[in-house]
Amino acid sequence: MKYVLFAFNGDPICFVHVMLNAFDMREKGHEVKVVLEGSAVTIPKAMAEPGAAFAPLWENLKGSGMIDVVCRACSAKLGVTAEVEAQGLPLGGDMKGHPSMSAYADQGYTVITF
C-alpha cells in the first residue's frame, strides 16, 4: 500500500507521531511519503535548535528519503524558506503554492492528515 502523511501541526510533540508512523509503515513494507504543510513547515527549524527533542529521529527521517515536499507558500509566509533549503529539503506546491492532496490520491496514495 502507498501512504502520504500530510503534517499540518508544527508542534514537535505532535510531529513525532508523523515520524514514528512513517517508519512503522515503511518497516511493514508500505510506500510512505511525508508532506510538511501549514505550521509543520517550521519543524525543520525547530529540530535544528540545540538540544531539540527528537532531533535524531528527525535526522533519520530526512535521511530516509520519505520527506517528499515542504510547502513553498507556508514556508514563505512563516519565514522558514531559508532553513528548509539549508537542510536540503524539497520545496514545492502544485496547488497555488501548496502541495495537492488530490495529486497524491491520483497516484494511488492514501492521504492521512496529522
N, C-alpha and C. Protein backbone atom coordinates (compact mmCIF):
# COMPACT_ATOMS: atom_id res chain seq x y z
N MET A 1 0.84 -1.18 0.00
CA MET A 1 0.00 0.00 0.00
C MET A 1 0.88 1.24 0.00
N LYS A 2 0.30 2.35 -0.44
CA LYS A 2 1.01 3.62 -0.53
C LYS A 2 0.29 4.65 0.35
N TYR A 3 1.07 5.32 1.18
CA TYR A 3 0.51 6.33 2.08
C TYR A 3 1.29 7.63 1.95
N VAL A 4 0.59 8.74 2.05
CA VAL A 4 1.22 10.04 2.18
C VAL A 4 0.69 10.66 3.46
N LEU A 5 1.62 11.05 4.32
CA LEU A 5 1.28 11.64 5.61
C LEU A 5 1.43 13.15 5.49
N PHE A 6 0.32 13.87 5.52
CA PHE A 6 0.33 15.34 5.48
C PHE A 6 0.36 15.85 6.91
N ALA A 7 1.46 16.48 7.29
CA ALA A 7 1.60 17.06 8.62
C ALA A 7 1.29 18.54 8.54
N PHE A 8 0.34 18.99 9.35
CA PHE A 8 -0.03 20.40 9.40
C PHE A 8 0.38 21.05 10.72
N ASN A 9 0.56 20.27 11.76
CA ASN A 9 0.82 20.78 13.10
C ASN A 9 2.32 20.97 13.32
N GLY A 10 2.72 22.17 13.72
CA GLY A 10 4.12 22.49 13.92
C GLY A 10 4.67 22.19 15.30
N ASP A 11 3.88 21.57 16.15
CA ASP A 11 4.35 21.20 17.49
C ASP A 11 5.20 19.94 17.37
N PRO A 12 6.49 19.99 17.77
CA PRO A 12 7.34 18.80 17.67
C PRO A 12 6.77 17.58 18.39
N ILE A 13 6.07 17.79 19.49
CA ILE A 13 5.47 16.66 20.22
C ILE A 13 4.41 15.98 19.35
N CYS A 14 3.70 16.74 18.57
CA CYS A 14 2.72 16.15 17.65
C CYS A 14 3.42 15.53 16.43
N PHE A 15 4.46 16.21 15.94
CA PHE A 15 5.13 15.73 14.73
C PHE A 15 5.86 14.41 14.96
N VAL A 16 6.24 14.13 16.20
CA VAL A 16 6.92 12.85 16.46
C VAL A 16 6.04 11.69 16.02
N HIS A 17 4.72 11.84 16.11
CA HIS A 17 3.81 10.77 15.70
C HIS A 17 3.83 10.57 14.18
N VAL A 18 4.04 11.63 13.44
CA VAL A 18 4.20 11.50 11.99
C VAL A 18 5.44 10.67 11.71
N MET A 19 6.54 11.00 12.37
CA MET A 19 7.79 10.29 12.14
C MET A 19 7.68 8.82 12.53
N LEU A 20 7.14 8.56 13.71
CA LEU A 20 7.02 7.17 14.18
C LEU A 20 6.14 6.34 13.24
N ASN A 21 5.03 6.92 12.81
CA ASN A 21 4.15 6.19 11.90
C ASN A 21 4.79 5.99 10.54
N ALA A 22 5.53 6.96 10.05
CA ALA A 22 6.21 6.81 8.76
C ALA A 22 7.18 5.63 8.81
N PHE A 23 7.98 5.58 9.86
CA PHE A 23 8.95 4.48 9.98
C PHE A 23 8.24 3.14 10.18
N ASP A 24 7.19 3.13 10.97
CA ASP A 24 6.44 1.89 11.21
C ASP A 24 5.84 1.36 9.91
N MET A 25 5.22 2.24 9.14
CA MET A 25 4.62 1.83 7.88
C MET A 25 5.66 1.30 6.90
N ARG A 26 6.78 2.01 6.82
CA ARG A 26 7.83 1.58 5.90
C ARG A 26 8.39 0.22 6.32
N GLU A 27 8.62 0.05 7.62
CA GLU A 27 9.14 -1.23 8.11
C GLU A 27 8.19 -2.38 7.80
N LYS A 28 6.92 -2.08 7.66
CA LYS A 28 5.92 -3.10 7.35
C LYS A 28 5.70 -3.25 5.85
N GLY A 29 6.57 -2.63 5.06
CA GLY A 29 6.55 -2.83 3.63
C GLY A 29 5.74 -1.86 2.81
N HIS A 30 5.22 -0.81 3.42
CA HIS A 30 4.41 0.16 2.69
C HIS A 30 5.30 1.26 2.11
N GLU A 31 4.85 1.84 1.03
CA GLU A 31 5.50 3.02 0.47
C GLU A 31 4.96 4.23 1.22
N VAL A 32 5.86 5.09 1.70
CA VAL A 32 5.44 6.22 2.54
C VAL A 32 6.12 7.51 2.09
N LYS A 33 5.32 8.56 2.01
CA LYS A 33 5.83 9.91 1.77
C LYS A 33 5.30 10.81 2.88
N VAL A 34 6.11 11.81 3.22
CA VAL A 34 5.71 12.79 4.24
C VAL A 34 5.70 14.17 3.58
N VAL A 35 4.64 14.92 3.85
CA VAL A 35 4.49 16.28 3.34
C VAL A 35 4.34 17.21 4.54
N LEU A 36 5.14 18.29 4.57
CA LEU A 36 5.03 19.30 5.62
C LEU A 36 4.24 20.48 5.08
N GLU A 37 3.13 20.78 5.73
CA GLU A 37 2.21 21.84 5.33
C GLU A 37 1.87 22.68 6.55
N GLY A 38 1.24 23.82 6.34
CA GLY A 38 0.80 24.65 7.46
C GLY A 38 1.96 24.96 8.40
N SER A 39 1.68 24.97 9.69
CA SER A 39 2.75 25.30 10.65
C SER A 39 3.79 24.20 10.78
N ALA A 40 3.55 23.02 10.21
CA ALA A 40 4.55 21.95 10.25
C ALA A 40 5.80 22.31 9.45
N VAL A 41 5.72 23.32 8.58
CA VAL A 41 6.92 23.74 7.85
C VAL A 41 7.97 24.32 8.78
N THR A 42 7.59 24.64 10.02
CA THR A 42 8.56 25.16 10.99
C THR A 42 9.34 24.03 11.69
N ILE A 43 8.95 22.79 11.45
CA ILE A 43 9.62 21.65 12.09
C ILE A 43 11.12 21.60 11.78
N PRO A 44 11.56 21.77 10.52
CA PRO A 44 13.00 21.72 10.26
C PRO A 44 13.79 22.71 11.12
N LYS A 45 13.27 23.91 11.26
CA LYS A 45 13.96 24.91 12.08
C LYS A 45 13.95 24.49 13.55
N ALA A 46 12.82 24.01 14.05
CA ALA A 46 12.72 23.59 15.44
C ALA A 46 13.66 22.42 15.74
N MET A 47 13.78 21.51 14.80
CA MET A 47 14.64 20.34 15.01
C MET A 47 16.13 20.68 14.92
N ALA A 48 16.45 21.84 14.34
CA ALA A 48 17.84 22.26 14.25
C ALA A 48 18.31 23.00 15.49
N GLU A 49 17.40 23.34 16.38
CA GLU A 49 17.77 24.03 17.62
C GLU A 49 18.64 23.12 18.48
N PRO A 50 19.66 23.67 19.15
CA PRO A 50 20.49 22.84 20.03
C PRO A 50 19.63 22.16 21.10
N GLY A 51 19.84 20.86 21.25
CA GLY A 51 19.12 20.10 22.26
C GLY A 51 17.67 19.81 21.92
N ALA A 52 17.29 20.00 20.67
CA ALA A 52 15.90 19.77 20.27
C ALA A 52 15.49 18.33 20.53
N ALA A 53 14.33 18.19 21.16
CA ALA A 53 13.79 16.85 21.37
C ALA A 53 13.50 16.22 20.01
N PHE A 54 13.80 14.98 19.87
CA PHE A 54 13.51 14.20 18.66
C PHE A 54 14.40 14.55 17.47
N ALA A 55 15.47 15.35 17.69
CA ALA A 55 16.36 15.70 16.58
C ALA A 55 16.97 14.46 15.92
N PRO A 56 17.39 13.44 16.67
CA PRO A 56 17.93 12.25 15.99
C PRO A 56 16.89 11.55 15.11
N LEU A 57 15.65 11.49 15.58
CA LEU A 57 14.59 10.88 14.78
C LEU A 57 14.34 11.71 13.52
N TRP A 58 14.39 13.03 13.66
CA TRP A 58 14.24 13.93 12.52
C TRP A 58 15.34 13.68 11.49
N GLU A 59 16.58 13.57 11.96
CA GLU A 59 17.70 13.32 11.05
C GLU A 59 17.51 12.00 10.32
N ASN A 60 17.00 10.99 11.02
CA ASN A 60 16.72 9.70 10.37
C ASN A 60 15.64 9.85 9.31
N LEU A 61 14.60 10.65 9.61
CA LEU A 61 13.54 10.86 8.63
C LEU A 61 14.10 11.57 7.40
N LYS A 62 14.89 12.60 7.61
CA LYS A 62 15.47 13.32 6.47
C LYS A 62 16.32 12.37 5.62
N GLY A 63 17.11 11.55 6.27
CA GLY A 63 17.98 10.62 5.55
C GLY A 63 17.25 9.47 4.87
N SER A 64 16.01 9.24 5.27
CA SER A 64 15.24 8.12 4.73
C SER A 64 14.69 8.37 3.34
N GLY A 65 14.64 9.64 2.94
CA GLY A 65 14.06 9.98 1.65
C GLY A 65 12.54 10.03 1.66
N MET A 66 11.93 9.90 2.83
CA MET A 66 10.46 9.91 2.89
C MET A 66 9.87 11.31 2.82
N ILE A 67 10.65 12.35 3.13
CA ILE A 67 10.09 13.71 3.04
C ILE A 67 9.98 14.07 1.56
N ASP A 68 8.77 14.14 1.07
CA ASP A 68 8.54 14.38 -0.34
C ASP A 68 8.57 15.85 -0.69
N VAL A 69 7.95 16.68 0.15
CA VAL A 69 7.90 18.10 -0.15
C VAL A 69 7.54 18.89 1.12
N VAL A 70 8.04 20.11 1.15
CA VAL A 70 7.68 21.08 2.18
C VAL A 70 6.97 22.22 1.45
N CYS A 71 5.85 22.63 1.96
CA CYS A 71 5.02 23.64 1.30
C CYS A 71 5.78 24.96 1.09
N ARG A 72 5.87 25.33 -0.16
CA ARG A 72 6.56 26.58 -0.52
C ARG A 72 5.81 27.81 0.02
N ALA A 73 4.49 27.85 -0.13
CA ALA A 73 3.71 29.01 0.30
C ALA A 73 3.78 29.20 1.81
N CYS A 74 3.60 28.12 2.56
CA CYS A 74 3.63 28.23 4.02
C CYS A 74 5.03 28.56 4.53
N SER A 75 6.05 28.01 3.87
CA SER A 75 7.43 28.31 4.27
C SER A 75 7.73 29.78 4.11
N ALA A 76 7.26 30.36 2.99
CA ALA A 76 7.46 31.79 2.76
C ALA A 76 6.69 32.61 3.79
N LYS A 77 5.44 32.26 4.01
CA LYS A 77 4.59 33.01 4.94
C LYS A 77 5.14 32.96 6.36
N LEU A 78 5.69 31.81 6.77
CA LEU A 78 6.19 31.65 8.15
C LEU A 78 7.68 31.95 8.27
N GLY A 79 8.31 32.40 7.19
CA GLY A 79 9.69 32.85 7.23
C GLY A 79 10.73 31.76 7.46
N VAL A 80 10.47 30.54 6.95
CA VAL A 80 11.41 29.45 7.18
C VAL A 80 11.98 28.87 5.87
N THR A 81 11.76 29.55 4.76
CA THR A 81 12.25 29.04 3.47
C THR A 81 13.75 28.79 3.50
N ALA A 82 14.53 29.72 4.03
CA ALA A 82 15.99 29.55 4.05
C ALA A 82 16.39 28.34 4.88
N GLU A 83 15.74 28.11 6.00
CA GLU A 83 16.07 26.95 6.84
C GLU A 83 15.72 25.65 6.13
N VAL A 84 14.57 25.62 5.48
CA VAL A 84 14.16 24.42 4.74
C VAL A 84 15.18 24.12 3.65
N GLU A 85 15.57 25.14 2.91
CA GLU A 85 16.56 24.97 1.84
C GLU A 85 17.91 24.55 2.41
N ALA A 86 18.31 25.15 3.54
CA ALA A 86 19.60 24.83 4.15
C ALA A 86 19.68 23.36 4.57
N GLN A 87 18.54 22.79 4.90
CA GLN A 87 18.52 21.38 5.28
C GLN A 87 18.35 20.45 4.07
N GLY A 88 18.33 21.04 2.88
CA GLY A 88 18.26 20.24 1.67
C GLY A 88 16.92 19.60 1.40
N LEU A 89 15.87 20.20 1.95
CA LEU A 89 14.53 19.63 1.77
C LEU A 89 13.86 20.25 0.55
N PRO A 90 13.06 19.46 -0.16
CA PRO A 90 12.42 19.98 -1.37
C PRO A 90 11.23 20.88 -1.05
N LEU A 91 11.23 22.06 -1.62
CA LEU A 91 10.10 22.98 -1.51
C LEU A 91 9.23 22.81 -2.74
N GLY A 92 7.93 22.91 -2.56
CA GLY A 92 7.06 22.82 -3.71
C GLY A 92 5.62 23.06 -3.35
N GLY A 93 4.81 22.96 -4.35
CA GLY A 93 3.38 23.16 -4.17
C GLY A 93 2.72 23.37 -5.50
N ASP A 94 2.01 22.36 -5.96
CA ASP A 94 1.39 22.41 -7.27
C ASP A 94 -0.05 22.91 -7.23
N MET A 95 -0.48 23.37 -6.05
CA MET A 95 -1.84 23.87 -5.89
C MET A 95 -1.76 25.28 -5.27
N LYS A 96 -1.50 26.25 -6.13
CA LYS A 96 -1.37 27.63 -5.68
C LYS A 96 -0.31 27.77 -4.59
N GLY A 97 0.81 27.06 -4.76
CA GLY A 97 1.92 27.13 -3.81
C GLY A 97 1.88 26.09 -2.72
N HIS A 98 0.80 25.33 -2.63
CA HIS A 98 0.64 24.29 -1.61
C HIS A 98 0.65 22.92 -2.27
N PRO A 99 1.13 21.89 -1.57
CA PRO A 99 1.04 20.54 -2.12
C PRO A 99 -0.41 20.09 -2.23
N SER A 100 -0.71 19.42 -3.31
CA SER A 100 -2.08 18.98 -3.61
C SER A 100 -2.32 17.56 -3.12
N MET A 101 -3.30 17.39 -2.26
CA MET A 101 -3.66 16.04 -1.82
C MET A 101 -4.19 15.22 -2.97
N SER A 102 -4.95 15.84 -3.86
CA SER A 102 -5.54 15.08 -4.96
C SER A 102 -4.47 14.52 -5.89
N ALA A 103 -3.34 15.22 -6.02
CA ALA A 103 -2.25 14.71 -6.87
C ALA A 103 -1.72 13.39 -6.31
N TYR A 104 -1.63 13.29 -4.99
CA TYR A 104 -1.19 12.04 -4.38
C TYR A 104 -2.27 10.97 -4.52
N ALA A 105 -3.51 11.34 -4.29
CA ALA A 105 -4.61 10.38 -4.43
C ALA A 105 -4.67 9.84 -5.85
N ASP A 106 -4.43 10.70 -6.83
CA ASP A 106 -4.44 10.27 -8.23
C ASP A 106 -3.33 9.26 -8.52
N GLN A 107 -2.27 9.27 -7.71
CA GLN A 107 -1.16 8.33 -7.87
C GLN A 107 -1.35 7.07 -7.02
N GLY A 108 -2.51 6.96 -6.38
CA GLY A 108 -2.82 5.76 -5.61
C GLY A 108 -2.44 5.81 -4.15
N TYR A 109 -2.07 6.99 -3.65
CA TYR A 109 -1.72 7.12 -2.24
C TYR A 109 -2.97 7.32 -1.39
N THR A 110 -2.98 6.72 -0.24
CA THR A 110 -3.97 7.02 0.78
C THR A 110 -3.46 8.23 1.54
N VAL A 111 -4.25 9.28 1.63
CA VAL A 111 -3.85 10.51 2.30
C VAL A 111 -4.27 10.44 3.77
N ILE A 112 -3.29 10.67 4.64
CA ILE A 112 -3.54 10.72 6.09
C ILE A 112 -3.06 12.09 6.57
N THR A 113 -3.89 12.77 7.35
CA THR A 113 -3.51 14.09 7.86
C THR A 113 -3.24 14.02 9.35
N PHE A 114 -2.28 14.83 9.77
CA PHE A 114 -1.91 14.97 11.18
C PHE A 114 -2.00 16.44 11.55
